[in-house]
Amino acid sequence: MVKVALFVRLEAKPDKVTEVENFLKAGLTIVQNEPATTTWFALRLGPTTFGIFDAFPDEAGRQAHLTGDVAKALMARASDLFSKPPVIEKVDVLAAKLVK
């Protein structure tokens, strides 16, 4: 069961939209190797607005993800790709349906 999650809002620089899209798609390969990341979505919310939603069974899993390879890559590329810093929100999961 997932209990905690992250919602990350990303605002791409107008000339970096395609790069952000490709960066997010490539992130799936990295999170496949994170056993505590049980759910991970890369989202497009608008023309230049993107997001990431991921969920974890516990706080330890969430912390492992926040210090993992995707987070490191995101922060390393943030000033190049985004018009403002990523907004990372820690959220609690109240209910979920996950297909096994």
PDB file of N, CA and C in Angstrom:
ATOM      1  N   MET A   1       0.835  -1.188   0.000  1.00  0.00           N
ATOM      2  CA  MET A   1       0.000   0.000   0.000  1.00  0.00           C
ATOM      3  C   MET A   1       0.879   1.250   0.000  1.00  0.00           C
ATOM      4  N   VAL A   2       0.512   2.217  -0.772  1.00  0.00           N
ATOM      5  CA  VAL A   2       1.234   3.483  -0.775  1.00  0.00           C
ATOM      6  C   VAL A   2       0.622   4.392   0.276  1.00  0.00           C
ATOM      7  N   LYS A   3       1.484   5.094   0.988  1.00  0.00           N
ATOM      8  CA  LYS A   3       1.019   5.974   2.054  1.00  0.00           C
ATOM      9  C   LYS A   3       1.456   7.418   1.861  1.00  0.00           C
ATOM     10  N   VAL A   4       2.594   7.618   1.186  1.00  0.00           N
ATOM     11  CA  VAL A   4       3.116   8.964   0.979  1.00  0.00           C
ATOM     12  C   VAL A   4       3.475   9.134  -0.490  1.00  0.00           C
ATOM     13  N   ALA A   5       3.544  10.396  -0.917  1.00  0.00           N
ATOM     14  CA  ALA A   5       3.813  10.673  -2.327  1.00  0.00           C
ATOM     15  C   ALA A   5       4.525  12.013  -2.471  1.00  0.00           C
ATOM     16  N   LEU A   6       4.878  12.302  -3.701  1.00  0.00           N
ATOM     17  CA  LEU A   6       5.437  13.598  -4.077  1.00  0.00           C
ATOM     18  C   LEU A   6       4.673  14.112  -5.280  1.00  0.00           C
ATOM     19  N   PHE A   7       4.420  15.401  -5.293  1.00  0.00           N
ATOM     20  CA  PHE A   7       3.925  16.060  -6.495  1.00  0.00           C
ATOM     21  C   PHE A   7       4.908  17.173  -6.808  1.00  0.00           C
ATOM     22  N   VAL A   8       5.494  17.102  -7.983  1.00  0.00           N
ATOM     23  CA  VAL A   8       6.510  18.072  -8.399  1.00  0.00           C
ATOM     24  C   VAL A   8       5.969  18.843  -9.596  1.00  0.00           C
ATOM     25  N   ARG A   9       5.958  20.158  -9.477  1.00  0.00           N
ATOM     26  CA  ARG A   9       5.507  21.021 -10.578  1.00  0.00           C
ATOM     27  C   ARG A   9       6.745  21.639 -11.218  1.00  0.00           C
ATOM     28  N   LEU A  10       6.788  21.560 -12.544  1.00  0.00           N
ATOM     29  CA  LEU A  10       7.936  22.030 -13.316  1.00  0.00           C
ATOM     30  C   LEU A  10       7.457  22.993 -14.393  1.00  0.00           C
ATOM     31  N   GLU A  11       8.082  24.148 -14.467  1.00  0.00           N
ATOM     32  CA  GLU A  11       7.742  25.132 -15.500  1.00  0.00           C
ATOM     33  C   GLU A  11       8.933  25.244 -16.454  1.00  0.00           C
ATOM     34  N   ALA A  12       8.766  24.679 -17.650  1.00  0.00           N
ATOM     35  CA  ALA A  12       9.848  24.655 -18.632  1.00  0.00           C
ATOM     36  C   ALA A  12      10.077  26.032 -19.237  1.00  0.00           C
ATOM     37  N   LYS A  13      11.320  26.321 -19.556  1.00  0.00           N
ATOM     38  CA  LYS A  13      11.607  27.492 -20.373  1.00  0.00           C
ATOM     39  C   LYS A  13      10.967  27.231 -21.738  1.00  0.00           C
ATOM     40  N   PRO A  14      10.390  28.254 -22.367  1.00  0.00           N
ATOM     41  CA  PRO A  14       9.680  28.031 -23.637  1.00  0.00           C
ATOM     42  C   PRO A  14      10.513  27.328 -24.707  1.00  0.00           C
ATOM     43  N   ASP A  15      11.795  27.584 -24.748  1.00  0.00           N
ATOM     44  CA  ASP A  15      12.642  26.953 -25.758  1.00  0.00           C
ATOM     45  C   ASP A  15      13.185  25.594 -25.313  1.00  0.00           C
ATOM     46  N   LYS A  16      12.761  25.108 -24.147  1.00  0.00           N
ATOM     47  CA  LYS A  16      13.259  23.839 -23.608  1.00  0.00           C
ATOM     48  C   LYS A  16      12.163  22.791 -23.435  1.00  0.00           C
ATOM     49  N   VAL A  17      10.973  23.057 -23.960  1.00  0.00           N
ATOM     50  CA  VAL A  17       9.831  22.162 -23.754  1.00  0.00           C
ATOM     51  C   VAL A  17      10.136  20.738 -24.226  1.00  0.00           C
ATOM     52  N   THR A  18      10.672  20.596 -25.414  1.00  0.00           N
ATOM     53  CA  THR A  18      10.976  19.260 -25.939  1.00  0.00           C
ATOM     54  C   THR A  18      12.029  18.566 -25.095  1.00  0.00           C
ATOM     55  N   GLU A  19      13.030  19.315 -24.644  1.00  0.00           N
ATOM     56  CA  GLU A  19      14.064  18.723 -23.788  1.00  0.00           C
ATOM     57  C   GLU A  19      13.484  18.250 -22.461  1.00  0.00           C
ATOM     58  N   VAL A  20      12.576  19.039 -21.887  1.00  0.00           N
ATOM     59  CA  VAL A  20      11.946  18.642 -20.630  1.00  0.00           C
ATOM     60  C   VAL A  20      11.118  17.380 -20.845  1.00  0.00           C
ATOM     61  N   GLU A  21      10.362  17.340 -21.912  1.00  0.00           N
ATOM     62  CA  GLU A  21       9.567  16.151 -22.214  1.00  0.00           C
ATOM     63  C   GLU A  21      10.454  14.913 -22.333  1.00  0.00           C
ATOM     64  N   ASN A  22      11.538  15.023 -23.065  1.00  0.00           N
ATOM     65  CA  ASN A  22      12.459  13.891 -23.233  1.00  0.00           C
ATOM     66  C   ASN A  22      13.143  13.522 -21.921  1.00  0.00           C
ATOM     67  N   PHE A  23      13.502  14.515 -21.127  1.00  0.00           N
ATOM     68  CA  PHE A  23      14.119  14.282 -19.821  1.00  0.00           C
ATOM     69  C   PHE A  23      13.172  13.476 -18.927  1.00  0.00           C
ATOM     70  N   LEU A  24      11.904  13.876 -18.908  1.00  0.00           N
ATOM     71  CA  LEU A  24      10.930  13.172 -18.075  1.00  0.00           C
ATOM     72  C   LEU A  24      10.690  11.750 -18.569  1.00  0.00           C
ATOM     73  N   LYS A  25      10.590  11.564 -19.861  1.00  0.00           N
ATOM     74  CA  LYS A  25      10.410  10.215 -20.402  1.00  0.00           C
ATOM     75  C   LYS A  25      11.594   9.319 -20.042  1.00  0.00           C
ATOM     76  N   ALA A  26      12.799   9.861 -20.074  1.00  0.00           N
ATOM     77  CA  ALA A  26      13.996   9.084 -19.723  1.00  0.00           C
ATOM     78  C   ALA A  26      14.037   8.747 -18.232  1.00  0.00           C
ATOM     79  N   GLY A  27      13.364   9.541 -17.419  1.00  0.00           N
ATOM     80  CA  GLY A  27      13.342   9.285 -15.985  1.00  0.00           C
ATOM     81  C   GLY A  27      12.702   7.959 -15.625  1.00  0.00           C
ATOM     82  N   LEU A  28      11.797   7.467 -16.457  1.00  0.00           N
ATOM     83  CA  LEU A  28      11.142   6.193 -16.186  1.00  0.00           C
ATOM     84  C   LEU A  28      12.153   5.060 -16.053  1.00  0.00           C
ATOM     85  N   THR A  29      13.147   5.051 -16.910  1.00  0.00           N
ATOM     86  CA  THR A  29      14.170   4.011 -16.855  1.00  0.00           C
ATOM     87  C   THR A  29      14.891   4.014 -15.510  1.00  0.00           C
ATOM     88  N   ILE A  30      15.158   5.189 -14.988  1.00  0.00           N
ATOM     89  CA  ILE A  30      15.872   5.304 -13.710  1.00  0.00           C
ATOM     90  C   ILE A  30      15.000   4.818 -12.561  1.00  0.00           C
ATOM     91  N   VAL A  31      13.743   5.249 -12.508  1.00  0.00           N
ATOM     92  CA  VAL A  31      12.890   4.864 -11.378  1.00  0.00           C
ATOM     93  C   VAL A  31      12.497   3.392 -11.405  1.00  0.00           C
ATOM     94  N   GLN A  32      12.655   2.740 -12.540  1.00  0.00           N
ATOM     95  CA  GLN A  32      12.407   1.295 -12.589  1.00  0.00           C
ATOM     96  C   GLN A  32      13.320   0.558 -11.606  1.00  0.00           C
ATOM     97  N   ASN A  33      14.465   1.148 -11.293  1.00  0.00           N
ATOM     98  CA  ASN A  33      15.441   0.536 -10.383  1.00  0.00           C
ATOM     99  C   ASN A  33      15.259   0.953  -8.932  1.00  0.00           C
ATOM    100  N   GLU A  34      14.193   1.658  -8.625  1.00  0.00           N
ATOM    101  CA  GLU A  34      13.905   2.089  -7.250  1.00  0.00           C
ATOM    102  C   GLU A  34      12.763   1.236  -6.706  1.00  0.00           C
ATOM    103  N   PRO A  35      13.061   0.224  -5.909  1.00  0.00           N
ATOM    104  CA  PRO A  35      12.006  -0.681  -5.449  1.00  0.00           C
ATOM    105  C   PRO A  35      10.916  -0.001  -4.618  1.00  0.00           C
ATOM    106  N   ALA A  36      11.224   1.062  -3.915  1.00  0.00           N
ATOM    107  CA  ALA A  36      10.224   1.728  -3.076  1.00  0.00           C
ATOM    108  C   ALA A  36       9.384   2.740  -3.849  1.00  0.00           C
ATOM    109  N   THR A  37       9.744   3.026  -5.091  1.00  0.00           N
ATOM    110  CA  THR A  37       8.916   3.903  -5.922  1.00  0.00           C
ATOM    111  C   THR A  37       7.895   3.006  -6.602  1.00  0.00           C
ATOM    112  N   THR A  38       6.723   2.905  -5.986  1.00  0.00           N
ATOM    113  CA  THR A  38       5.725   1.963  -6.479  1.00  0.00           C
ATOM    114  C   THR A  38       4.889   2.539  -7.615  1.00  0.00           C
ATOM    115  N   THR A  39       4.795   3.840  -7.696  1.00  0.00           N
ATOM    116  CA  THR A  39       4.024   4.517  -8.733  1.00  0.00           C
ATOM    117  C   THR A  39       4.796   5.751  -9.172  1.00  0.00           C
ATOM    118  N   TRP A  40       4.894   5.968 -10.474  1.00  0.00           N
ATOM    119  CA  TRP A  40       5.616   7.140 -10.981  1.00  0.00           C
ATOM    120  C   TRP A  40       4.966   7.582 -12.286  1.00  0.00           C
ATOM    121  N   PHE A  41       4.590   8.841 -12.326  1.00  0.00           N
ATOM    122  CA  PHE A  41       3.996   9.421 -13.530  1.00  0.00           C
ATOM    123  C   PHE A  41       4.726  10.702 -13.893  1.00  0.00           C
ATOM    124  N   ALA A  42       5.073  10.850 -15.164  1.00  0.00           N
ATOM    125  CA  ALA A  42       5.533  12.129 -15.703  1.00  0.00           C
ATOM    126  C   ALA A  42       4.322  12.721 -16.426  1.00  0.00           C
ATOM    127  N   LEU A  43       4.012  13.973 -16.136  1.00  0.00           N
ATOM    128  CA  LEU A  43       2.771  14.597 -16.606  1.00  0.00           C
ATOM    129  C   LEU A  43       3.038  15.868 -17.399  1.00  0.00           C
ATOM    130  N   ARG A  44       2.155  16.133 -18.332  1.00  0.00           N
ATOM    131  CA  ARG A  44       2.137  17.438 -19.001  1.00  0.00           C
ATOM    132  C   ARG A  44       0.847  18.114 -18.566  1.00  0.00           C
ATOM    133  N   LEU A  45       0.974  19.258 -17.910  1.00  0.00           N
ATOM    134  CA  LEU A  45      -0.179  19.969 -17.372  1.00  0.00           C
ATOM    135  C   LEU A  45      -0.608  21.137 -18.245  1.00  0.00           C
ATOM    136  N   GLY A  46       0.259  21.588 -19.123  1.00  0.00           N
ATOM    137  CA  GLY A  46      -0.028  22.713 -20.001  1.00  0.00           C
ATOM    138  C   GLY A  46       1.095  22.850 -21.008  1.00  0.00           C
ATOM    139  N   PRO A  47       1.074  23.910 -21.819  1.00  0.00           N
ATOM    140  CA  PRO A  47       2.082  24.072 -22.875  1.00  0.00           C
ATOM    141  C   PRO A  47       3.527  24.029 -22.370  1.00  0.00           C
ATOM    142  N   THR A  48       3.790  24.639 -21.223  1.00  0.00           N
ATOM    143  CA  THR A  48       5.146  24.632 -20.671  1.00  0.00           C
ATOM    144  C   THR A  48       5.186  24.103 -19.243  1.00  0.00           C
ATOM    145  N   THR A  49       4.056  23.608 -18.762  1.00  0.00           N
ATOM    146  CA  THR A  49       3.976  23.135 -17.383  1.00  0.00           C
ATOM    147  C   THR A  49       3.937  21.612 -17.347  1.00  0.00           C
ATOM    148  N   PHE A  50       4.835  21.051 -16.552  1.00  0.00           N
ATOM    149  CA  PHE A  50       4.954  19.609 -16.416  1.00  0.00           C
ATOM    150  C   PHE A  50       4.874  19.246 -14.941  1.00  0.00           C
ATOM    151  N   GLY A  51       4.744  17.959 -14.690  1.00  0.00           N
ATOM    152  CA  GLY A  51       4.711  17.512 -13.313  1.00  0.00           C
ATOM    153  C   GLY A  51       5.188  16.081 -13.195  1.00  0.00           C
ATOM    154  N   ILE A  52       5.475  15.706 -11.975  1.00  0.00           N
ATOM    155  CA  ILE A  52       5.811  14.328 -11.638  1.00  0.00           C
ATOM    156  C   ILE A  52       4.980  13.975 -10.415  1.00  0.00           C
ATOM    157  N   PHE A  53       4.336  12.826 -10.462  1.00  0.00           N
ATOM    158  CA  PHE A  53       3.652  12.289  -9.290  1.00  0.00           C
ATOM    159  C   PHE A  53       4.216  10.908  -9.039  1.00  0.00           C
ATOM    160  N   ASP A  54       4.680  10.677  -7.835  1.00  0.00           N
ATOM    161  CA  ASP A  54       5.177   9.357  -7.475  1.00  0.00           C
ATOM    162  C   ASP A  54       4.773   9.030  -6.052  1.00  0.00           C
ATOM    163  N   ALA A  55       4.605   7.733  -5.792  1.00  0.00           N
ATOM    164  CA  ALA A  55       4.114   7.301  -4.488  1.00  0.00           C
ATOM    165  C   ALA A  55       4.990   6.196  -3.927  1.00  0.00           C
ATOM    166  N   PHE A  56       4.931   6.092  -2.588  1.00  0.00           N
ATOM    167  CA  PHE A  56       5.837   5.213  -1.855  1.00  0.00           C
ATOM    168  C   PHE A  56       5.105   4.572  -0.672  1.00  0.00           C
ATOM    169  N   PRO A  57       5.572   3.427  -0.215  1.00  0.00           N
ATOM    170  CA  PRO A  57       4.916   2.774   0.915  1.00  0.00           C
ATOM    171  C   PRO A  57       5.163   3.467   2.255  1.00  0.00           C
ATOM    172  N   ASP A  58       6.253   4.232   2.324  1.00  0.00           N
ATOM    173  CA  ASP A  58       6.599   4.858   3.604  1.00  0.00           C
ATOM    174  C   ASP A  58       7.559   6.027   3.375  1.00  0.00           C
ATOM    175  N   GLU A  59       7.860   6.728   4.462  1.00  0.00           N
ATOM    176  CA  GLU A  59       8.742   7.897   4.386  1.00  0.00           C
ATOM    177  C   GLU A  59      10.153   7.517   3.956  1.00  0.00           C
ATOM    178  N   ALA A  60      10.626   6.347   4.366  1.00  0.00           N
ATOM    179  CA  ALA A  60      11.973   5.909   3.967  1.00  0.00           C
ATOM    180  C   ALA A  60      12.074   5.778   2.449  1.00  0.00           C
ATOM    181  N   GLY A  61      11.032   5.246   1.822  1.00  0.00           N
ATOM    182  CA  GLY A  61      11.021   5.128   0.363  1.00  0.00           C
ATOM    183  C   GLY A  61      11.007   6.478  -0.321  1.00  0.00           C
ATOM    184  N   ARG A  62      10.218   7.392   0.241  1.00  0.00           N
ATOM    185  CA  ARG A  62      10.162   8.741  -0.327  1.00  0.00           C
ATOM    186  C   ARG A  62      11.518   9.424  -0.202  1.00  0.00           C
ATOM    187  N   GLN A  63      12.152   9.292   0.940  1.00  0.00           N
ATOM    188  CA  GLN A  63      13.473   9.908   1.146  1.00  0.00           C
ATOM    189  C   GLN A  63      14.523   9.293   0.221  1.00  0.00           C
ATOM    190  N   ALA A  64      14.447   7.977   0.024  1.00  0.00           N
ATOM    191  CA  ALA A  64      15.393   7.322  -0.893  1.00  0.00           C
ATOM    192  C   ALA A  64      15.239   7.887  -2.299  1.00  0.00           C
ATOM    193  N   HIS A  65      14.006   8.137  -2.708  1.00  0.00           N
ATOM    194  CA  HIS A  65      13.775   8.710  -4.039  1.00  0.00           C
ATOM    195  C   HIS A  65      14.296  10.150  -4.110  1.00  0.00           C
ATOM    196  N   LEU A  66      14.047  10.921  -3.067  1.00  0.00           N
ATOM    197  CA  LEU A  66      14.488  12.328  -3.053  1.00  0.00           C
ATOM    198  C   LEU A  66      16.003  12.472  -3.088  1.00  0.00           C
ATOM    199  N   THR A  67      16.715  11.444  -2.691  1.00  0.00           N
ATOM    200  CA  THR A  67      18.183  11.483  -2.730  1.00  0.00           C
ATOM    201  C   THR A  67      18.735  10.589  -3.839  1.00  0.00           C
ATOM    202  N   GLY A  68      17.839  10.073  -4.692  1.00  0.00           N
ATOM    203  CA  GLY A  68      18.243   9.150  -5.751  1.00  0.00           C
ATOM    204  C   GLY A  68      18.650   9.834  -7.042  1.00  0.00           C
ATOM    205  N   ASP A  69      18.840   9.016  -8.054  1.00  0.00           N
ATOM    206  CA  ASP A  69      19.385   9.486  -9.335  1.00  0.00           C
ATOM    207  C   ASP A  69      18.467  10.439 -10.092  1.00  0.00           C
ATOM    208  N   VAL A  70      17.155  10.207 -10.056  1.00  0.00           N
ATOM    209  CA  VAL A  70      16.246  11.111 -10.777  1.00  0.00           C
ATOM    210  C   VAL A  70      16.277  12.499 -10.147  1.00  0.00           C
ATOM    211  N   ALA A  71      16.215  12.546  -8.826  1.00  0.00           N
ATOM    212  CA  ALA A  71      16.250  13.839  -8.133  1.00  0.00           C
ATOM    213  C   ALA A  71      17.563  14.566  -8.396  1.00  0.00           C
ATOM    214  N   LYS A  72      18.662  13.833  -8.376  1.00  0.00           N
ATOM    215  CA  LYS A  72      19.968  14.448  -8.647  1.00  0.00           C
ATOM    216  C   LYS A  72      20.024  15.010 -10.069  1.00  0.00           C
ATOM    217  N   ALA A  73      19.524  14.242 -11.028  1.00  0.00           N
ATOM    218  CA  ALA A  73      19.525  14.703 -12.426  1.00  0.00           C
ATOM    219  C   ALA A  73      18.612  15.910 -12.592  1.00  0.00           C
ATOM    220  N   LEU A  74      17.470  15.881 -11.930  1.00  0.00           N
ATOM    221  CA  LEU A  74      16.528  16.997 -12.013  1.00  0.00           C
ATOM    222  C   LEU A  74      17.163  18.284 -11.492  1.00  0.00           C
ATOM    223  N   MET A  75      17.773  18.210 -10.344  1.00  0.00           N
ATOM    224  CA  MET A  75      18.374  19.411  -9.761  1.00  0.00           C
ATOM    225  C   MET A  75      19.602  19.876 -10.555  1.00  0.00           C
ATOM    226  N   ALA A  76      20.334  18.949 -11.128  1.00  0.00           N
ATOM    227  CA  ALA A  76      21.512  19.311 -11.926  1.00  0.00           C
ATOM    228  C   ALA A  76      21.117  20.066 -13.188  1.00  0.00           C
ATOM    229  N   ARG A  77      19.946  19.759 -13.749  1.00  0.00           N
ATOM    230  CA  ARG A  77      19.507  20.384 -14.995  1.00  0.00           C
ATOM    231  C   ARG A  77      18.501  21.509 -14.780  1.00  0.00           C
ATOM    232  N   ALA A  78      18.097  21.752 -13.540  1.00  0.00           N
ATOM    233  CA  ALA A  78      17.006  22.692 -13.241  1.00  0.00           C
ATOM    234  C   ALA A  78      17.226  24.078 -13.838  1.00  0.00           C
ATOM    235  N   SER A  79      18.380  24.670 -13.645  1.00  0.00           N
ATOM    236  CA  SER A  79      18.589  26.039 -14.122  1.00  0.00           C
ATOM    237  C   SER A  79      18.617  26.114 -15.650  1.00  0.00           C
ATOM    238  N   ASP A  80      18.983  25.037 -16.299  1.00  0.00           N
ATOM    239  CA  ASP A  80      19.017  24.994 -17.757  1.00  0.00           C
ATOM    240  C   ASP A  80      17.625  24.792 -18.358  1.00  0.00           C
ATOM    241  N   LEU A  81      16.815  23.928 -17.744  1.00  0.00           N
ATOM    242  CA  LEU A  81      15.544  23.527 -18.328  1.00  0.00           C
ATOM    243  C   LEU A  81      14.334  24.336 -17.875  1.00  0.00           C
ATOM    244  N   PHE A  82      14.371  24.852 -16.646  1.00  0.00           N
ATOM    245  CA  PHE A  82      13.161  25.415 -16.048  1.00  0.00           C
ATOM    246  C   PHE A  82      13.255  26.919 -15.822  1.00  0.00           C
ATOM    247  N   SER A  83      12.115  27.595 -15.970  1.00  0.00           N
ATOM    248  CA  SER A  83      12.076  29.044 -15.795  1.00  0.00           C
ATOM    249  C   SER A  83      12.066  29.442 -14.322  1.00  0.00           C
ATOM    250  N   LYS A  84      11.749  28.498 -13.455  1.00  0.00           N
ATOM    251  CA  LYS A  84      11.818  28.716 -12.011  1.00  0.00           C
ATOM    252  C   LYS A  84      12.126  27.370 -11.357  1.00  0.00           C
ATOM    253  N   PRO A  85      12.591  27.377 -10.122  1.00  0.00           N
ATOM    254  CA  PRO A  85      12.946  26.109  -9.474  1.00  0.00           C
ATOM    255  C   PRO A  85      11.750  25.164  -9.367  1.00  0.00           C
ATOM    256  N   PRO A  86      11.998  23.859  -9.457  1.00  0.00           N
ATOM    257  CA  PRO A  86      10.914  22.890  -9.274  1.00  0.00           C
ATOM    258  C   PRO A  86      10.250  23.070  -7.907  1.00  0.00           C
ATOM    259  N   VAL A  87       8.940  22.913  -7.879  1.00  0.00           N
ATOM    260  CA  VAL A  87       8.192  22.969  -6.625  1.00  0.00           C
ATOM    261  C   VAL A  87       7.892  21.521  -6.228  1.00  0.00           C
ATOM    262  N   ILE A  88       8.497  21.084  -5.128  1.00  0.00           N
ATOM    263  CA  ILE A  88       8.355  19.700  -4.670  1.00  0.00           C
ATOM    264  C   ILE A  88       7.473  19.697  -3.430  1.00  0.00           C
ATOM    265  N   GLU A  89       6.323  19.034  -3.550  1.00  0.00           N
ATOM    266  CA  GLU A  89       5.387  18.965  -2.437  1.00  0.00           C
ATOM    267  C   GLU A  89       5.308  17.532  -1.914  1.00  0.00           C
ATOM    268  N   LYS A  90       5.475  17.373  -0.619  1.00  0.00           N
ATOM    269  CA  LYS A  90       5.264  16.081   0.024  1.00  0.00           C
ATOM    270  C   LYS A  90       3.786  15.976   0.362  1.00  0.00           C
ATOM    271  N   VAL A  91       3.162  14.887  -0.066  1.00  0.00           N
ATOM    272  CA  VAL A  91       1.735  14.704   0.177  1.00  0.00           C
ATOM    273  C   VAL A  91       1.482  13.322   0.783  1.00  0.00           C
ATOM    274  N   ASP A  92       0.361  13.208   1.473  1.00  0.00           N
ATOM    275  CA  ASP A  92      -0.080  11.928   2.024  1.00  0.00           C
ATOM    276  C   ASP A  92      -1.107  11.327   1.084  1.00  0.00           C
ATOM    277  N   VAL A  93      -1.046  10.026   0.889  1.00  0.00           N
ATOM    278  CA  VAL A  93      -2.022   9.319   0.068  1.00  0.00           C
ATOM    279  C   VAL A  93      -3.143   8.845   0.986  1.00  0.00           C
ATOM    280  N   LEU A  94      -4.349   9.293   0.718  1.00  0.00           N
ATOM    281  CA  LEU A  94      -5.496   8.911   1.539  1.00  0.00           C
ATOM    282  C   LEU A  94      -6.155   7.619   1.054  1.00  0.00           C
ATOM    283  N   ALA A  95      -6.138   7.396  -0.260  1.00  0.00           N
ATOM    284  CA  ALA A  95      -6.697   6.181  -0.839  1.00  0.00           C
ATOM    285  C   ALA A  95      -6.053   5.984  -2.206  1.00  0.00           C
ATOM    286  N   ALA A  96      -5.933   4.734  -2.624  1.00  0.00           N
ATOM    287  CA  ALA A  96      -5.303   4.448  -3.917  1.00  0.00           C
ATOM    288  C   ALA A  96      -5.820   3.128  -4.481  1.00  0.00           C
ATOM    289  N   LYS A  97      -5.857   3.057  -5.779  1.00  0.00           N
ATOM    290  CA  LYS A  97      -6.121   1.794  -6.466  1.00  0.00           C
ATOM    291  C   LYS A  97      -4.913   1.522  -7.339  1.00  0.00           C
ATOM    292  N   LEU A  98      -4.238   0.437  -7.079  1.00  0.00           N
ATOM    293  CA  LEU A  98      -3.080   0.037  -7.850  1.00  0.00           C
ATOM    294  C   LEU A  98      -3.341  -1.359  -8.399  1.00  0.00           C
ATOM    295  N   VAL A  99      -3.130  -1.551  -9.678  1.00  0.00           N
ATOM    296  CA  VAL A  99      -3.320  -2.847 -10.294  1.00  0.00           C
ATOM    297  C   VAL A  99      -2.040  -3.653 -10.132  1.00  0.00           C
ATOM    298  N   LYS A 100      -2.179  -4.871  -9.700  1.00  0.00           N
ATOM    299  CA  LYS A 100      -0.992  -5.732  -9.528  1.00  0.00           C
ATOM    300  C   LYS A 100      -0.750  -6.563 -10.752  1.00  0.00           C
TER     301      LYS A 100
END
